[in-house]
Amino acid sequence: MMELLIGLIGAVVLIIGWAFETVEAVRRHKSLIDLRFSINHFVGVSLLFVYSFLINDAVFIYLNGIIVAIIAIEIWYSLHIKKVHKNKPHSKEGRRRK
């Protein structure tokens, strides 16, 4: 029972930290991490999620499931931000020199 509690507390701490960083990236309108790394990380954590089911480990099922969802949001947001910046006209007229 104590092992489960320690695992759950560790999972919650990781998820809170990761979610906080994702929210901050959205607020700053910046991509959190490199898109190639995010896709690689998504594949790796997805495989760990499947492995968690195979070994029937509840803590890692929840942890990896939530992290997969957060990474998917990061990938979607990174692609969305790149699309917005690509379509945004770059104009120097709004800048003033001092």
Foldseek 3Di string as FASTA:
>chain_A
DVVLVVLQVVLVVVLVVLVVLLVVCVVVLHQSDDLVVLVVVLVVLVVQLVVCVVVVPVSSVVSSVSVNVSSVVSNVSNVVSVVVVVPDDDDPVVDDDD
